[in-house]
């Protein structure tokens, strides 16, 4: 995906086009009311741009149910992968979608700043849609990020990702260690990792590895990289606790961190690592390991007893859509209990608060047969990370997180101490904010 500077520039150039498409809100509302009354169930097309979702996944999860419910609607899939298929690029080609799937980190640059924003409160009221069926952290998280006066721009669609500890049962058996249990502390995990880190017959067995991206972005404090109200690193003491907690594992002899973040994230799958910290996700391929299981992610001492999460995607309607009622009906169908229950059974964490969905998590997915699914929500899920305050210059979330990821890697491999690595991350964040400010002058 191209950087936000390009996306922002392109978005500005599209505002006039999109404004022309949308027309006057008042006159449009009146014409929509007439159209809704006169075109019930007449054949229409709805264009979909779903960031982060392949067409094959959409077909598998949603298309059959939607076609049964709405035989008069033809769904047009707009590709969303690759730099040439970002939402700004798609619209620049003259393809304005009716329904968009977006995520928190791009909702401003690739939706609101482009003049696409449509407040769903109108439809929620019209169809008496019950928002309380969702886990409230997801509705609140989006509104905190985007709302000026109570606007609701999207509804949360599964999956979201929590964190767990994966462990290789074969290595525990090989070295005579009891399996992990839910509720263990990081101190206990550290002791186990020490015992399981060794060299035998020239093979290095590591006790612990981690997906560094997830431990930074999905932390139990809901801590962002950039302070919501200041142009600096958020919560230095919090980040020091996070760094100290994890870097100690890489000081265990023979448990050195991978050379790159990607290498470290993938090493568990090679079979020589006993414990791995990562997200729970049906997209994570562990099929090459014949004997693995999960335990709850420990909580850093003194932190809230909550599991850090990656927030879900959100289904949104564009202001320019001529079929808002139909689009909202489609969204309601995609988020109904039956569809979400099917998703849950396949291992997708549901966005609804119905506990029955969690009870069947992964039951239809062979990957999770016999696995400890209770570990996934052993603790309450943490809130969505704190957003930048209104009026403060935003920067790309992934860019901000990359400064902390690289700082962590430098501390873990011994190139810098934790304090120095955090100071460097703070300096990079400040410079990035100034760079973004200069673009607005």
Protein backbone atom coordinates (compact mmCIF):
# COMPACT_ATOMS: atom_id res chain seq x y z
CA UNK A 1 0.00 0.00 0.00
CA UNK A 2 1.31 3.43 -0.83
CA UNK A 3 2.15 5.80 1.99
CA UNK A 4 -0.28 8.19 3.55
CA UNK A 5 1.23 11.22 1.83
CA UNK A 6 0.27 9.82 -1.55
CA UNK A 7 -3.09 8.61 -0.30
CA UNK A 8 -3.78 11.97 1.28
CA UNK A 9 -2.84 13.87 -1.88
CA UNK A 10 -4.96 11.60 -4.01
CA UNK A 11 -7.83 11.92 -1.57
CA UNK A 12 -7.80 15.70 -1.85
CA UNK A 13 -7.94 15.46 -5.63
CA UNK A 14 -10.97 13.21 -5.36
CA UNK A 15 -13.05 15.36 -3.05
CA UNK A 16 -14.57 17.39 -5.88
CA UNK A 17 -15.43 14.20 -7.78
CA UNK A 18 -17.07 12.60 -4.77
CA UNK A 19 -18.91 15.75 -3.79
CA UNK A 20 -20.37 15.93 -7.28
CA UNK A 21 -21.42 12.29 -6.98
CA UNK A 22 -23.12 12.82 -3.63
CA UNK A 23 -24.97 16.04 -4.38
CA UNK A 24 -27.00 17.94 -1.81
CA UNK A 25 -27.66 15.88 1.32
CA UNK A 26 -31.16 17.33 1.76
CA UNK A 27 -32.33 16.78 -1.81
CA UNK A 28 -30.65 13.39 -1.85
CA UNK A 29 -32.45 12.25 1.31
CA UNK A 30 -35.79 13.20 -0.24
CA UNK A 31 -35.04 11.38 -3.48
CA UNK A 32 -33.81 8.32 -1.58
CA UNK A 33 -37.09 8.14 0.31
CA UNK A 34 -39.04 8.10 -2.96
CA UNK A 35 -36.62 5.62 -4.50
CA UNK A 36 -36.87 3.29 -1.50
CA UNK A 37 -40.64 3.24 -1.79
CA UNK A 38 -40.71 2.65 -5.54
CA UNK A 39 -37.80 0.26 -6.13
CA UNK A 40 -38.33 -2.38 -3.44
CA UNK A 41 -36.66 -5.60 -4.63
CA UNK A 42 -35.91 -4.23 -8.09
CA UNK A 43 -32.61 -5.54 -9.47
CA UNK A 44 -29.64 -3.47 -8.35
CA UNK A 45 -25.87 -3.75 -8.11
CA UNK A 46 -23.85 -3.18 -4.95
CA UNK A 47 -20.13 -2.60 -5.26
CA UNK A 48 -17.94 -3.91 -2.45
CA UNK A 49 -14.40 -2.87 -1.50
CA UNK A 50 -13.25 -5.00 1.45
CA UNK A 51 -9.75 -4.12 2.61
CA UNK A 52 -7.90 -7.16 3.95
CA UNK A 53 -10.40 -9.74 2.63
CA UNK A 54 -9.96 -11.89 -0.46
CA UNK A 55 -12.86 -12.57 -2.79
CA UNK A 56 -12.55 -16.28 -1.98
CA UNK A 57 -12.99 -15.57 1.73
CA UNK A 58 -15.97 -13.31 1.09
CA UNK A 59 -17.59 -16.01 -1.04
CA UNK A 60 -16.99 -18.67 1.59
CA UNK A 61 -18.25 -16.65 4.53
CA UNK A 62 -20.98 -14.45 3.10
CA UNK A 63 -21.96 -14.74 -0.55
CA UNK A 64 -24.34 -17.74 -0.34
CA UNK A 65 -26.27 -16.25 2.57
CA UNK A 66 -26.51 -12.88 0.86
CA UNK A 67 -27.67 -14.28 -2.47
CA UNK A 68 -30.38 -16.31 -0.73
CA UNK A 69 -31.58 -13.29 1.19
CA UNK A 70 -31.21 -10.77 -1.64
CA UNK A 71 -31.66 -12.51 -5.02
CA UNK A 72 -32.35 -9.13 -6.64
CA UNK A 73 -28.90 -7.80 -5.72
CA UNK A 74 -25.80 -8.44 -7.84
CA UNK A 75 -22.65 -8.06 -5.78
CA UNK A 76 -19.72 -6.53 -7.66
CA UNK A 77 -16.37 -7.36 -6.05
CA UNK A 78 -13.76 -4.59 -6.34
CA UNK A 79 -10.22 -5.94 -5.76
CA UNK A 80 -8.57 -4.47 -2.67
CA UNK A 81 -5.13 -6.08 -2.57
CA UNK A 82 -2.06 -4.39 -3.99
CA UNK A 83 -1.05 -0.75 -4.31
CA UNK A 84 -3.14 -0.34 -7.45
CA UNK A 85 -6.32 -1.38 -5.64
CA UNK A 86 -6.37 0.84 -2.57
CA UNK A 87 -9.62 2.69 -2.05
CA UNK A 88 -8.20 6.02 -3.36
CA UNK A 89 -6.89 4.29 -6.48
CA UNK A 90 -10.16 2.45 -7.01
CA UNK A 91 -12.19 5.63 -6.80
CA UNK A 92 -9.75 7.45 -9.07
CA UNK A 93 -10.67 4.87 -11.71
CA UNK A 94 -14.31 5.85 -11.32
CA UNK A 95 -15.37 2.89 -9.15
CA UNK A 96 -17.14 4.21 -6.05
CA UNK A 97 -18.15 1.31 -3.79
CA UNK A 98 -21.41 1.13 -1.87
CA UNK A 99 -20.01 -0.86 1.05
CA UNK A 100 -16.47 -0.58 2.38
CA UNK A 101 -14.59 -2.73 4.86
CA UNK A 102 -12.01 -0.63 6.65
CA UNK A 103 -9.81 -0.83 9.74
CA UNK A 104 -9.06 1.66 12.48
CA UNK A 105 -5.61 2.63 11.19
CA UNK A 106 -6.90 3.63 7.73
CA UNK A 107 -10.43 4.86 8.42
CA UNK A 108 -9.32 8.51 8.25
CA UNK A 109 -6.96 8.37 5.28
CA UNK A 110 -9.02 5.94 3.20
CA UNK A 111 -12.58 6.89 4.10
CA UNK A 112 -13.34 10.03 6.10
CA UNK A 113 -10.67 12.28 4.58
CA UNK A 114 -11.90 11.30 1.13
CA UNK A 115 -15.41 12.58 1.77
CA UNK A 116 -16.91 9.08 1.85
CA UNK A 117 -18.20 9.18 5.42
CA UNK A 118 -21.84 8.28 6.00
CA UNK A 119 -23.34 8.30 9.50
CA UNK A 120 -25.12 4.99 10.08
CA UNK A 121 -27.21 6.39 12.94
CA UNK A 122 -29.91 7.22 10.39
CA UNK A 123 -30.18 3.56 9.38
CA UNK A 124 -29.80 2.26 12.92
CA UNK A 125 -32.81 4.33 13.94
CA UNK A 126 -34.83 3.53 10.82
CA UNK A 127 -34.41 -0.25 11.18
CA UNK A 128 -34.37 -0.24 14.99
CA UNK A 129 -31.02 -2.00 14.89
CA UNK A 130 -29.75 -3.14 18.28
CA UNK A 131 -26.17 -1.96 18.77
CA UNK A 132 -26.02 -3.54 22.23
CA UNK A 133 -25.60 -6.95 20.61
CA UNK A 134 -21.96 -6.04 19.89
CA UNK A 135 -19.12 -6.06 22.38
CA UNK A 136 -19.24 -2.39 23.42
CA UNK A 137 -15.48 -1.92 23.15
CA UNK A 138 -15.77 -2.12 19.36
CA UNK A 139 -18.50 0.51 18.94
CA UNK A 140 -16.86 2.81 21.47
CA UNK A 141 -13.43 2.30 19.92
CA UNK A 142 -14.58 3.41 16.47
CA UNK A 143 -16.59 6.35 17.78
CA UNK A 144 -13.69 7.55 19.93
CA UNK A 145 -11.52 7.46 16.83
CA UNK A 146 -13.88 9.06 14.32
CA UNK A 147 -16.89 10.75 15.89
CA UNK A 148 -17.21 14.52 16.25
CA UNK A 149 -20.87 14.67 17.29
CA UNK A 150 -21.93 11.10 17.94
CA UNK A 151 -21.53 9.83 14.37
CA UNK A 152 -21.34 6.09 13.83
CA UNK A 153 -19.49 5.29 10.62
CA UNK A 154 -19.27 1.51 10.78
CA UNK A 155 -20.32 -1.75 12.41
CA UNK A 156 -17.73 -4.31 13.57
CA UNK A 157 -17.28 -7.47 11.53
CA UNK A 158 -15.34 -10.52 12.71
CA UNK A 159 -12.67 -11.49 13.13
CA UNK A 160 -10.64 -9.61 15.65
CA UNK A 161 -7.51 -11.11 17.15
CA UNK A 162 -6.63 -11.81 20.76
CA UNK A 163 -3.33 -13.16 22.08
CA UNK A 164 -2.36 -16.61 23.38
CA UNK A 165 0.70 -18.68 24.13
CA UNK A 166 1.26 -21.55 21.73
CA UNK A 167 3.43 -24.43 22.88
CA UNK A 168 5.02 -27.44 21.23
CA UNK A 169 3.89 -30.45 23.27
CA UNK A 170 6.52 -32.69 21.66
CA UNK A 171 9.33 -30.56 23.12
CA UNK A 172 7.67 -30.53 26.54
CA UNK A 173 7.46 -34.31 26.37
CA UNK A 174 11.03 -34.64 25.10
CA UNK A 175 12.45 -32.70 28.02
CA UNK A 176 10.03 -33.91 30.69
CA UNK A 177 8.27 -30.63 31.42
CA UNK A 178 4.58 -30.36 32.39
CA UNK A 179 2.33 -28.62 29.86
CA UNK A 180 1.38 -24.98 30.22
CA UNK A 181 -1.84 -24.07 32.03
CA UNK A 182 -4.19 -21.13 31.76
CA UNK A 183 -3.55 -18.38 34.28
CA UNK A 184 0.22 -18.77 34.49
CA UNK A 185 2.30 -15.64 35.13
CA UNK A 186 5.14 -14.31 33.01
CA UNK A 187 7.54 -15.23 35.83
CA UNK A 188 6.39 -18.85 35.60
CA UNK A 189 6.68 -18.82 31.82
CA UNK A 190 10.18 -17.38 32.12
CA UNK A 191 11.24 -20.25 34.39
CA UNK A 192 9.82 -22.81 31.96
CA UNK A 193 11.57 -21.10 29.03
CA UNK A 194 14.89 -21.29 30.87
CA UNK A 195 14.46 -25.03 31.46
CA UNK A 196 13.52 -25.72 27.85
CA UNK A 197 16.32 -23.69 26.25
CA UNK A 198 19.25 -26.01 25.56
CA UNK A 199 21.58 -27.48 22.96
CA UNK A 200 21.44 -31.21 22.30
CA UNK A 201 23.32 -33.09 19.60
CA UNK A 202 24.14 -29.81 17.93
CA UNK A 203 20.49 -28.70 17.81
CA UNK A 204 19.54 -25.43 19.54
CA UNK A 205 16.16 -25.70 21.25
CA UNK A 206 14.73 -22.34 22.20
CA UNK A 207 12.40 -21.93 25.13
CA UNK A 208 10.56 -18.85 23.89
CA UNK A 209 9.82 -16.81 20.77
CA UNK A 210 7.31 -14.08 19.98
CA UNK A 211 5.59 -12.21 17.23
CA UNK A 212 7.04 -8.83 18.18
CA UNK A 213 4.42 -6.96 16.16
CA UNK A 214 1.62 -8.38 18.31
CA UNK A 215 3.23 -7.78 21.68
CA UNK A 216 3.72 -4.12 20.72
CA UNK A 217 0.40 -3.41 19.03
CA UNK A 218 -1.91 -5.64 21.10
CA UNK A 219 -0.87 -4.91 24.66
CA UNK A 220 -2.96 -5.23 27.81
CA UNK A 221 -2.60 -1.51 28.58
CA UNK A 222 -4.25 -0.54 25.26
CA UNK A 223 -1.22 1.72 24.97
CA UNK A 224 -0.55 3.42 21.61
CA UNK A 225 2.92 4.34 20.41
CA UNK A 226 2.12 8.06 20.07
CA UNK A 227 0.62 9.96 22.98
CA UNK A 228 -3.02 10.96 22.29
CA UNK A 229 -2.52 14.52 23.54
CA UNK A 230 1.21 15.17 23.17
CA UNK A 231 3.73 14.87 20.35
CA UNK A 232 5.78 12.21 22.11
CA UNK A 233 5.96 8.55 23.07
CA UNK A 234 2.97 7.50 25.14
CA UNK A 235 3.60 6.25 28.68
CA UNK A 236 7.37 5.78 28.87
CA UNK A 237 7.05 3.76 32.10
CA UNK A 238 4.45 1.48 30.52
CA UNK A 239 6.60 0.78 27.48
CA UNK A 240 9.61 0.15 29.69
CA UNK A 241 7.60 -2.49 31.58
CA UNK A 242 6.59 -4.12 28.29
CA UNK A 243 10.14 -4.08 26.92
CA UNK A 244 11.67 -5.32 30.18
CA UNK A 245 9.14 -8.15 30.44
CA UNK A 246 9.93 -9.59 27.01
CA UNK A 247 13.58 -8.72 26.41
CA UNK A 248 14.65 -10.82 29.42
CA UNK A 249 13.64 -13.94 27.49
CA UNK A 250 16.22 -13.11 24.83
CA UNK A 251 18.97 -12.84 27.44
CA UNK A 252 18.58 -16.54 28.25
CA UNK A 253 21.69 -18.26 26.79
CA UNK A 254 20.89 -19.87 23.41
CA UNK A 255 17.50 -18.11 23.18
CA UNK A 256 18.64 -15.21 20.99
CA UNK A 257 16.01 -13.24 19.11
CA UNK A 258 15.74 -13.72 15.34
CA UNK A 259 17.71 -11.40 13.08
CA UNK A 260 14.52 -9.78 11.81
CA UNK A 261 11.01 -9.34 13.16
CA UNK A 262 9.62 -11.66 10.47
CA UNK A 263 12.21 -14.34 11.23
CA UNK A 264 11.36 -14.23 14.92
CA UNK A 265 7.63 -14.47 14.20
CA UNK A 266 8.05 -17.60 12.06
CA UNK A 267 10.63 -19.59 14.01
CA UNK A 268 8.08 -21.48 16.16
CA UNK A 269 6.70 -23.17 13.07
CA UNK A 270 10.07 -24.85 12.46
CA UNK A 271 9.58 -27.09 15.50
CA UNK A 272 12.59 -26.16 17.65
CA UNK A 273 10.87 -23.58 19.91
CA UNK A 274 8.87 -24.64 22.96
CA UNK A 275 6.68 -21.56 23.65
CA UNK A 276 5.52 -18.83 21.28
CA UNK A 277 3.56 -15.62 21.99
CA UNK A 278 1.28 -14.62 19.12
CA UNK A 279 -2.28 -13.81 18.09
CA UNK A 280 -5.10 -16.32 18.00
CA UNK A 281 -6.07 -16.35 14.35
CA UNK A 282 -7.41 -18.91 11.87
CA UNK A 283 -5.04 -17.31 9.37
CA UNK A 284 -2.01 -18.46 11.40
CA UNK A 285 -0.78 -21.69 9.85
CA UNK A 286 0.48 -24.21 12.41
CA UNK A 287 -0.39 -27.29 10.38
CA UNK A 288 3.29 -28.25 10.06
CA UNK A 289 3.48 -28.86 13.84
CA UNK A 290 1.88 -32.22 14.67
CA UNK A 291 1.39 -31.69 18.40
CA UNK A 292 0.71 -28.20 19.73
CA UNK A 293 -1.74 -26.50 22.05
CA UNK A 294 -2.51 -23.12 23.60
CA UNK A 295 -2.55 -21.49 27.03
CA UNK A 296 -3.75 -18.06 28.10
CA UNK A 297 -1.41 -15.14 27.52
CA UNK A 298 0.01 -14.00 30.88
CA UNK A 299 -0.52 -10.47 32.13
CA UNK A 300 2.39 -8.19 32.98
CA UNK A 301 2.51 -7.65 36.74
CA UNK A 302 0.57 -4.54 37.70
CA UNK A 303 -1.17 -4.25 34.33
CA UNK A 304 -4.94 -4.59 33.82
CA UNK A 305 -5.95 -8.25 33.69
CA UNK A 306 -7.02 -7.98 30.09
CA UNK A 307 -5.96 -9.49 26.79
CA UNK A 308 -4.67 -7.02 24.23
CA UNK A 309 -6.48 -7.26 20.91
CA UNK A 310 -6.29 -6.22 17.29
CA UNK A 311 -9.64 -4.55 16.66
CA UNK A 312 -12.00 -5.88 13.98
CA UNK A 313 -12.71 -4.45 10.59
CA UNK A 314 -15.75 -2.22 10.16
CA UNK A 315 -18.43 -2.34 7.48
CA UNK A 316 -19.25 1.14 6.20
CA UNK A 317 -21.52 2.72 3.60
CA UNK A 318 -20.26 5.46 1.33
CA UNK A 319 -22.08 8.77 1.27
CA UNK A 320 -22.20 8.52 -2.52
CA UNK A 321 -24.09 5.20 -2.59
CA UNK A 322 -27.49 5.33 -4.29
CA UNK A 323 -28.61 2.23 -2.41
CA UNK A 324 -28.02 2.98 1.25
CA UNK A 325 -31.04 1.06 2.50
CA UNK A 326 -30.08 -2.05 0.59
CA UNK A 327 -26.48 -1.67 1.66
CA UNK A 328 -27.48 -1.48 5.32
CA UNK A 329 -29.71 -4.53 4.96
CA UNK A 330 -26.77 -6.41 3.51
CA UNK A 331 -24.58 -5.34 6.43
CA UNK A 332 -27.24 -6.47 8.90
CA UNK A 333 -27.33 -9.86 7.18
CA UNK A 334 -23.54 -10.19 7.26
CA UNK A 335 -23.56 -9.50 10.99
CA UNK A 336 -26.55 -11.58 12.02
CA UNK A 337 -26.24 -14.30 14.65
CA UNK A 338 -26.39 -17.16 12.16
CA UNK A 339 -23.50 -15.85 10.07
CA UNK A 340 -21.42 -14.94 13.11
CA UNK A 341 -22.08 -18.35 14.67
CA UNK A 342 -20.80 -20.02 11.50
CA UNK A 343 -17.75 -17.75 11.59
CA UNK A 344 -17.13 -18.60 15.24
CA UNK A 345 -17.34 -22.32 14.55
CA UNK A 346 -14.65 -21.83 11.91
CA UNK A 347 -12.37 -20.02 14.36
CA UNK A 348 -13.20 -16.35 13.73
CA UNK A 349 -13.61 -14.43 16.96
CA UNK A 350 -17.13 -12.92 16.91
CA UNK A 351 -17.80 -9.23 17.44
CA UNK A 352 -21.14 -9.88 19.14
CA UNK A 353 -21.28 -10.22 22.92
CA UNK A 354 -23.39 -13.41 22.85
CA UNK A 355 -21.39 -15.89 24.95
CA UNK A 356 -22.88 -18.82 23.04
CA UNK A 357 -20.73 -17.87 20.07
CA UNK A 358 -17.53 -18.19 22.10
CA UNK A 359 -18.59 -21.62 23.37
CA UNK A 360 -18.44 -23.05 19.84
CA UNK A 361 -15.23 -21.26 18.78
CA UNK A 362 -13.28 -23.37 16.30
CA UNK A 363 -15.49 -26.46 16.54
CA UNK A 364 -15.76 -26.84 12.74
CA UNK A 365 -12.08 -26.12 12.08
CA UNK A 366 -9.84 -29.22 12.07
CA UNK A 367 -6.91 -27.03 13.15
CA UNK A 368 -8.51 -26.58 16.57
CA UNK A 369 -9.72 -30.11 17.26
CA UNK A 370 -8.80 -30.97 20.85
CA UNK A 371 -7.20 -27.57 21.49
CA UNK A 372 -7.64 -25.48 24.63
CA UNK A 373 -10.05 -22.90 23.23
CA UNK A 374 -10.76 -21.45 26.67
CA UNK A 375 -7.33 -19.84 26.58
CA UNK A 376 -8.47 -17.39 23.89
CA UNK A 377 -10.71 -15.38 26.21
CA UNK A 378 -9.37 -16.48 29.60
CA UNK A 379 -9.23 -12.80 30.57
CA UNK A 380 -11.49 -9.97 29.47
CA UNK A 381 -10.55 -8.34 26.19
CA UNK A 382 -8.80 -4.98 26.48
CA UNK A 383 -10.24 -1.83 24.96
CA UNK A 384 -9.16 -0.63 21.55
CA UNK A 385 -5.93 1.38 21.78
CA UNK A 386 -6.28 5.04 22.66
CA UNK A 387 -6.72 7.22 19.57
CA UNK A 388 -5.10 10.56 18.85
CA UNK A 389 -7.07 13.42 20.39
CA UNK A 390 -9.04 15.78 18.15
CA UNK A 391 -6.88 18.61 16.90
CA UNK A 392 -3.63 16.67 17.31
CA UNK A 393 -1.63 15.82 14.20
CA UNK A 394 -2.10 12.12 13.42
CA UNK A 395 0.54 9.85 11.96
CA UNK A 396 0.19 6.44 10.36
CA UNK A 397 -0.33 3.86 13.12
CA UNK A 398 1.79 1.23 11.41
CA UNK A 399 4.64 3.73 11.06
CA UNK A 400 4.41 4.66 14.74
CA UNK A 401 4.39 1.01 15.77
CA UNK A 402 7.36 0.26 13.51
CA UNK A 403 9.49 2.63 15.58
CA UNK A 404 8.69 0.63 18.70
CA UNK A 405 9.13 -2.73 16.96
CA UNK A 406 12.58 -1.76 15.75
CA UNK A 407 13.45 -0.33 19.16
CA UNK A 408 12.41 -3.58 20.79
CA UNK A 409 14.51 -5.64 18.39
CA UNK A 410 17.53 -3.44 19.13
CA UNK A 411 17.05 -3.99 22.86
CA UNK A 412 16.36 -7.72 22.49
CA UNK A 413 19.50 -8.38 20.44
CA UNK A 414 21.68 -6.31 22.75
CA UNK A 415 22.48 -3.48 20.36
CA UNK A 416 20.99 -0.96 22.78
CA UNK A 417 19.67 -0.97 26.31
CA UNK A 418 15.94 -0.53 26.84
CA UNK A 419 16.15 3.11 27.91
CA UNK A 420 18.20 4.10 24.86
CA UNK A 421 15.95 2.21 22.45
CA UNK A 422 12.85 3.91 23.87
CA UNK A 423 14.47 7.35 23.67
CA UNK A 424 15.27 6.69 20.02
CA UNK A 425 11.68 5.63 19.35
CA UNK A 426 10.45 8.80 21.05
CA UNK A 427 12.73 10.92 18.87
CA UNK A 428 11.50 9.21 15.69
CA UNK A 429 7.88 9.73 16.71
CA UNK A 430 8.46 13.44 17.29
CA UNK A 431 10.15 13.79 13.90
CA UNK A 432 7.31 11.94 12.18
CA UNK A 433 4.76 14.30 13.72
CA UNK A 434 6.75 17.32 12.54
CA UNK A 435 6.93 15.81 9.06
CA UNK A 436 3.15 15.44 8.98
CA UNK A 437 2.68 18.99 10.27
CA UNK A 438 4.88 20.33 7.46
CA UNK A 439 2.58 18.71 4.88
CA UNK A 440 -0.35 20.73 6.20
CA UNK A 441 1.31 24.12 5.85
